[in-house]
Amino acid sequence: MPTAFPGSGQTPEPDTDPSDFPATALVTFSGWDTASKTLQAGGLVSGTTDTSGTCTFVATKGGTARTLTSKAEASASSVNCAQVSFPASQVSTGTWSITLEYSVGSKSTTSEPMTAEVP
């Protein structure tokens, strides 16, 4: 299901993060890519333009967790986290839950999960 493009004013405001990190991570898309046979995800971090941090995407299903890090890229009012692709060999068929964690030093913020189906 497509979500509104960030910055369009159509996205619901995320809940205030209880941590001391003044930013909010958001998974902006996740889904299966048939051509490359990968589970792809991307995201952004609103409330900061500090690209010195690390974007970490975590896909979980049951007791299995797969982790990929990606590059933090600057944009006008947020940090974009480069797309990641989990290969089919690492993700079995079913519903995966994907979160994005953005950490700078000892501080971090973690997004709400977004689900994706692996066929």
N, C-alpha and C. Protein backbone atom coordinates (compact mmCIF):
# COMPACT_ATOMS: atom_id res chain seq x y z
N MET A 1 0.84 -1.19 0.00
CA MET A 1 0.00 0.00 0.00
C MET A 1 0.88 1.24 0.00
N PRO A 2 0.75 2.13 -0.95
CA PRO A 2 1.63 3.31 -0.99
C PRO A 2 1.28 4.28 0.13
N THR A 3 2.28 4.94 0.66
CA THR A 3 2.04 5.95 1.68
C THR A 3 2.31 7.32 1.09
N ALA A 4 1.79 8.33 1.72
CA ALA A 4 1.97 9.69 1.23
C ALA A 4 3.45 10.04 1.22
N PHE A 5 3.85 10.82 0.26
CA PHE A 5 5.25 11.23 0.16
C PHE A 5 5.60 12.13 1.34
N PRO A 6 6.76 11.87 1.98
CA PRO A 6 7.13 12.73 3.13
C PRO A 6 7.17 14.20 2.72
N GLY A 7 6.66 15.04 3.58
CA GLY A 7 6.68 16.47 3.29
C GLY A 7 5.45 16.94 2.53
N SER A 8 4.56 16.02 2.15
CA SER A 8 3.37 16.41 1.41
C SER A 8 2.28 16.93 2.34
N GLY A 9 2.49 16.76 3.64
CA GLY A 9 1.48 17.19 4.60
C GLY A 9 0.39 16.16 4.80
N GLN A 10 0.51 15.00 4.12
CA GLN A 10 -0.53 13.99 4.23
C GLN A 10 -0.15 12.87 5.19
N THR A 11 1.07 12.91 5.72
CA THR A 11 1.48 11.85 6.64
C THR A 11 1.06 12.21 8.05
N PRO A 12 0.60 11.23 8.82
CA PRO A 12 0.23 11.52 10.20
C PRO A 12 1.48 11.89 11.00
N GLU A 13 1.33 12.78 11.95
CA GLU A 13 2.48 13.16 12.77
C GLU A 13 2.87 11.98 13.65
N PRO A 14 4.15 11.63 13.66
CA PRO A 14 4.56 10.51 14.53
C PRO A 14 4.44 10.90 16.00
N ASP A 15 4.26 9.90 16.85
CA ASP A 15 4.21 10.16 18.27
C ASP A 15 5.56 10.71 18.73
N THR A 16 5.55 11.49 19.78
CA THR A 16 6.78 12.04 20.30
C THR A 16 7.65 10.91 20.82
N ASP A 17 8.89 10.90 20.39
CA ASP A 17 9.80 9.84 20.82
C ASP A 17 10.17 10.09 22.29
N PRO A 18 10.02 9.08 23.13
CA PRO A 18 10.29 9.27 24.55
C PRO A 18 11.78 9.41 24.86
N SER A 19 12.65 9.08 23.91
CA SER A 19 14.09 9.18 24.16
C SER A 19 14.54 10.63 24.17
N ASP A 20 15.81 10.84 24.48
CA ASP A 20 16.34 12.20 24.53
C ASP A 20 16.87 12.64 23.17
N PHE A 21 16.64 11.83 22.14
CA PHE A 21 17.14 12.17 20.81
C PHE A 21 16.07 12.98 20.10
N PRO A 22 16.40 14.20 19.65
CA PRO A 22 15.38 15.11 19.13
C PRO A 22 15.03 14.86 17.67
N ALA A 23 14.88 13.61 17.29
CA ALA A 23 14.56 13.31 15.90
C ALA A 23 13.65 12.09 15.87
N THR A 24 13.00 11.87 14.73
CA THR A 24 12.06 10.77 14.59
C THR A 24 12.39 9.97 13.34
N ALA A 25 12.68 8.69 13.52
CA ALA A 25 12.95 7.82 12.38
C ALA A 25 11.64 7.30 11.82
N LEU A 26 11.61 7.10 10.51
CA LEU A 26 10.40 6.65 9.83
C LEU A 26 10.77 5.76 8.66
N VAL A 27 10.19 4.55 8.62
CA VAL A 27 10.35 3.70 7.44
C VAL A 27 9.35 4.23 6.41
N THR A 28 9.87 4.72 5.26
CA THR A 28 8.98 5.34 4.28
C THR A 28 8.45 4.33 3.27
N PHE A 29 9.17 3.24 3.06
CA PHE A 29 8.64 2.19 2.20
C PHE A 29 9.33 0.87 2.52
N SER A 30 8.62 -0.20 2.28
CA SER A 30 9.20 -1.53 2.38
C SER A 30 8.38 -2.44 1.48
N GLY A 31 9.05 -3.40 0.88
CA GLY A 31 8.32 -4.31 0.02
C GLY A 31 9.24 -5.25 -0.74
N TRP A 32 8.64 -6.26 -1.32
CA TRP A 32 9.37 -7.26 -2.08
C TRP A 32 9.60 -6.76 -3.50
N ASP A 33 10.83 -6.87 -3.97
CA ASP A 33 11.15 -6.52 -5.35
C ASP A 33 11.34 -7.81 -6.13
N THR A 34 10.40 -8.11 -7.03
CA THR A 34 10.41 -9.37 -7.76
C THR A 34 11.61 -9.50 -8.67
N ALA A 35 11.98 -8.41 -9.33
CA ALA A 35 13.08 -8.45 -10.29
C ALA A 35 14.40 -8.86 -9.63
N SER A 36 14.70 -8.24 -8.49
CA SER A 36 15.98 -8.52 -7.84
C SER A 36 15.86 -9.60 -6.76
N LYS A 37 14.62 -10.04 -6.49
CA LYS A 37 14.36 -11.00 -5.42
C LYS A 37 14.97 -10.54 -4.11
N THR A 38 14.62 -9.31 -3.74
CA THR A 38 15.08 -8.76 -2.47
C THR A 38 13.93 -8.07 -1.74
N LEU A 39 14.03 -8.06 -0.43
CA LEU A 39 13.12 -7.29 0.42
C LEU A 39 13.77 -5.93 0.60
N GLN A 40 13.13 -4.88 0.08
CA GLN A 40 13.73 -3.56 0.08
C GLN A 40 13.05 -2.66 1.10
N ALA A 41 13.83 -1.73 1.63
CA ALA A 41 13.29 -0.76 2.59
C ALA A 41 14.08 0.53 2.49
N GLY A 42 13.41 1.62 2.81
CA GLY A 42 14.05 2.92 2.85
C GLY A 42 13.40 3.74 3.94
N GLY A 43 14.05 4.83 4.30
CA GLY A 43 13.46 5.63 5.36
C GLY A 43 14.10 6.99 5.47
N LEU A 44 13.62 7.74 6.46
CA LEU A 44 14.18 9.06 6.72
C LEU A 44 14.11 9.33 8.21
N VAL A 45 14.84 10.36 8.61
CA VAL A 45 14.85 10.79 10.00
C VAL A 45 14.48 12.27 10.00
N SER A 46 13.31 12.59 10.55
CA SER A 46 12.88 13.99 10.58
C SER A 46 13.32 14.63 11.90
N GLY A 47 13.53 15.94 11.86
CA GLY A 47 13.92 16.65 13.07
C GLY A 47 15.41 16.81 13.23
N THR A 48 16.18 16.33 12.25
CA THR A 48 17.62 16.52 12.29
C THR A 48 18.16 16.60 10.86
N THR A 49 19.28 17.27 10.69
CA THR A 49 19.98 17.25 9.41
C THR A 49 21.41 16.76 9.64
N ASP A 50 21.64 16.13 10.79
CA ASP A 50 22.96 15.62 11.15
C ASP A 50 23.18 14.27 10.48
N THR A 51 24.04 14.25 9.45
CA THR A 51 24.25 13.01 8.71
C THR A 51 25.44 12.20 9.24
N SER A 52 25.92 12.53 10.44
CA SER A 52 27.05 11.79 11.00
C SER A 52 26.61 10.47 11.62
N GLY A 53 25.31 10.24 11.69
CA GLY A 53 24.80 9.04 12.33
C GLY A 53 24.75 7.84 11.40
N THR A 54 24.24 6.73 11.93
CA THR A 54 24.13 5.48 11.19
C THR A 54 22.67 5.07 11.07
N CYS A 55 22.25 4.75 9.85
CA CYS A 55 20.91 4.21 9.60
C CYS A 55 21.00 2.69 9.68
N THR A 56 20.20 2.07 10.53
CA THR A 56 20.19 0.61 10.64
C THR A 56 18.77 0.11 10.43
N PHE A 57 18.57 -0.66 9.37
CA PHE A 57 17.27 -1.28 9.13
C PHE A 57 17.29 -2.69 9.71
N VAL A 58 16.23 -3.04 10.46
CA VAL A 58 16.13 -4.37 11.03
C VAL A 58 14.82 -5.00 10.56
N ALA A 59 14.95 -6.15 9.90
CA ALA A 59 13.77 -6.91 9.47
C ALA A 59 13.64 -8.11 10.41
N THR A 60 12.46 -8.25 11.01
CA THR A 60 12.24 -9.36 11.94
C THR A 60 11.01 -10.16 11.56
N LYS A 61 11.09 -11.46 11.79
CA LYS A 61 9.94 -12.35 11.62
C LYS A 61 10.13 -13.48 12.59
N GLY A 62 9.18 -13.63 13.52
CA GLY A 62 9.34 -14.65 14.55
C GLY A 62 10.61 -14.39 15.34
N GLY A 63 11.47 -15.38 15.46
CA GLY A 63 12.72 -15.20 16.20
C GLY A 63 13.89 -14.81 15.32
N THR A 64 13.63 -14.50 14.06
CA THR A 64 14.70 -14.18 13.12
C THR A 64 14.81 -12.67 12.93
N ALA A 65 16.03 -12.17 12.98
CA ALA A 65 16.26 -10.75 12.71
C ALA A 65 17.41 -10.60 11.72
N ARG A 66 17.19 -9.76 10.72
CA ARG A 66 18.24 -9.44 9.74
C ARG A 66 18.50 -7.94 9.83
N THR A 67 19.77 -7.57 9.78
CA THR A 67 20.16 -6.17 9.96
C THR A 67 21.02 -5.71 8.79
N LEU A 68 20.71 -4.53 8.27
CA LEU A 68 21.54 -3.88 7.26
C LEU A 68 21.68 -2.41 7.62
N THR A 69 22.88 -1.87 7.43
CA THR A 69 23.06 -0.44 7.66
C THR A 69 23.13 0.26 6.31
N SER A 70 22.77 1.53 6.31
CA SER A 70 22.85 2.30 5.07
C SER A 70 23.37 3.70 5.37
N LYS A 71 23.66 4.40 4.31
CA LYS A 71 24.27 5.73 4.39
C LYS A 71 23.22 6.78 4.73
N ALA A 72 23.59 7.69 5.63
CA ALA A 72 22.74 8.84 5.94
C ALA A 72 23.06 9.94 4.93
N GLU A 73 22.03 10.43 4.25
CA GLU A 73 22.21 11.43 3.21
C GLU A 73 21.42 12.68 3.57
N ALA A 74 22.04 13.82 3.38
CA ALA A 74 21.39 15.09 3.75
C ALA A 74 20.27 15.44 2.79
N SER A 75 19.21 16.01 3.33
CA SER A 75 18.18 16.65 2.50
C SER A 75 17.84 17.97 3.19
N ALA A 76 16.90 18.69 2.66
CA ALA A 76 16.64 20.05 3.14
C ALA A 76 16.28 20.11 4.62
N SER A 77 15.42 19.22 5.08
CA SER A 77 14.94 19.34 6.46
C SER A 77 15.00 18.03 7.23
N SER A 78 15.65 17.01 6.64
CA SER A 78 15.70 15.72 7.32
C SER A 78 16.94 14.96 6.84
N VAL A 79 17.10 13.76 7.35
CA VAL A 79 18.18 12.88 6.90
C VAL A 79 17.52 11.71 6.16
N ASN A 80 17.96 11.48 4.93
CA ASN A 80 17.46 10.32 4.19
C ASN A 80 18.37 9.13 4.46
N CYS A 81 17.76 7.97 4.68
CA CYS A 81 18.54 6.74 4.85
C CYS A 81 18.46 5.97 3.55
N ALA A 82 19.61 5.69 2.96
CA ALA A 82 19.67 5.03 1.66
C ALA A 82 18.96 3.67 1.71
N GLN A 83 18.39 3.30 0.58
CA GLN A 83 17.65 2.04 0.47
C GLN A 83 18.54 0.84 0.77
N VAL A 84 17.97 -0.14 1.45
CA VAL A 84 18.66 -1.42 1.68
C VAL A 84 17.88 -2.53 1.00
N SER A 85 18.58 -3.63 0.71
CA SER A 85 17.96 -4.80 0.07
C SER A 85 18.42 -6.06 0.78
N PHE A 86 17.46 -6.74 1.41
CA PHE A 86 17.75 -8.03 2.04
C PHE A 86 17.56 -9.12 0.99
N PRO A 87 18.61 -9.91 0.68
CA PRO A 87 18.48 -10.95 -0.36
C PRO A 87 17.51 -12.06 0.06
N ALA A 88 16.92 -12.70 -0.94
CA ALA A 88 15.95 -13.76 -0.70
C ALA A 88 16.52 -14.86 0.20
N SER A 89 17.83 -15.10 0.10
CA SER A 89 18.46 -16.15 0.91
C SER A 89 18.39 -15.85 2.41
N GLN A 90 18.15 -14.58 2.75
CA GLN A 90 18.11 -14.18 4.17
C GLN A 90 16.70 -14.00 4.71
N VAL A 91 15.71 -13.91 3.82
CA VAL A 91 14.35 -13.66 4.27
C VAL A 91 13.41 -14.73 3.72
N SER A 92 12.78 -15.46 4.63
CA SER A 92 11.88 -16.53 4.21
C SER A 92 10.50 -15.96 3.90
N THR A 93 9.66 -16.77 3.28
CA THR A 93 8.30 -16.38 2.92
C THR A 93 7.50 -16.00 4.16
N GLY A 94 6.72 -14.93 4.04
CA GLY A 94 5.85 -14.53 5.13
C GLY A 94 5.90 -13.03 5.36
N THR A 95 5.37 -12.61 6.51
CA THR A 95 5.29 -11.19 6.84
C THR A 95 6.46 -10.80 7.72
N TRP A 96 7.22 -9.82 7.25
CA TRP A 96 8.36 -9.29 7.99
C TRP A 96 8.01 -7.91 8.52
N SER A 97 8.57 -7.60 9.67
CA SER A 97 8.38 -6.28 10.28
C SER A 97 9.71 -5.54 10.19
N ILE A 98 9.68 -4.33 9.64
CA ILE A 98 10.91 -3.59 9.40
C ILE A 98 10.90 -2.30 10.21
N THR A 99 11.99 -2.09 10.95
CA THR A 99 12.15 -0.84 11.69
C THR A 99 13.45 -0.17 11.25
N LEU A 100 13.51 1.12 11.47
CA LEU A 100 14.70 1.90 11.17
C LEU A 100 15.20 2.53 12.46
N GLU A 101 16.46 2.28 12.76
CA GLU A 101 17.09 2.94 13.91
C GLU A 101 18.14 3.91 13.38
N TYR A 102 18.12 5.13 13.93
CA TYR A 102 19.14 6.11 13.56
C TYR A 102 19.90 6.46 14.83
N SER A 103 21.22 6.26 14.80
CA SER A 103 22.00 6.52 16.00
C SER A 103 23.14 7.49 15.69
N VAL A 104 23.32 8.42 16.61
CA VAL A 104 24.43 9.37 16.57
C VAL A 104 25.10 9.27 17.93
N GLY A 105 26.33 8.77 17.95
CA GLY A 105 27.00 8.59 19.24
C GLY A 105 26.22 7.60 20.09
N SER A 106 25.91 7.99 21.31
CA SER A 106 25.21 7.08 22.22
C SER A 106 23.70 7.26 22.16
N LYS A 107 23.23 8.21 21.34
CA LYS A 107 21.79 8.49 21.25
C LYS A 107 21.21 7.85 20.01
N SER A 108 19.96 7.42 20.11
CA SER A 108 19.33 6.82 18.94
C SER A 108 17.82 6.98 19.01
N THR A 109 17.18 6.81 17.87
CA THR A 109 15.73 6.82 17.78
C THR A 109 15.32 5.68 16.86
N THR A 110 14.24 5.00 17.19
CA THR A 110 13.78 3.86 16.41
C THR A 110 12.35 4.10 15.92
N SER A 111 12.12 3.76 14.66
CA SER A 111 10.81 4.00 14.05
C SER A 111 9.77 3.00 14.52
N GLU A 112 8.53 3.32 14.21
CA GLU A 112 7.45 2.34 14.31
C GLU A 112 7.70 1.30 13.22
N PRO A 113 7.28 0.04 13.42
CA PRO A 113 7.52 -0.97 12.39
C PRO A 113 6.59 -0.81 11.19
N MET A 114 7.09 -1.20 10.02
CA MET A 114 6.28 -1.31 8.82
C MET A 114 6.40 -2.76 8.35
N THR A 115 5.28 -3.33 7.95
CA THR A 115 5.33 -4.74 7.54
C THR A 115 5.47 -4.86 6.02
N ALA A 116 6.05 -5.98 5.61
CA ALA A 116 6.21 -6.28 4.19
C ALA A 116 6.05 -7.77 4.00
N GLU A 117 5.44 -8.15 2.89
CA GLU A 117 5.21 -9.56 2.59
C GLU A 117 6.31 -10.09 1.65
N VAL A 118 6.89 -11.22 2.04
CA VAL A 118 7.83 -11.91 1.17
C VAL A 118 7.09 -13.11 0.57
N PRO A 119 6.97 -13.18 -0.75
CA PRO A 119 6.18 -14.25 -1.37
C PRO A 119 6.87 -15.62 -1.28
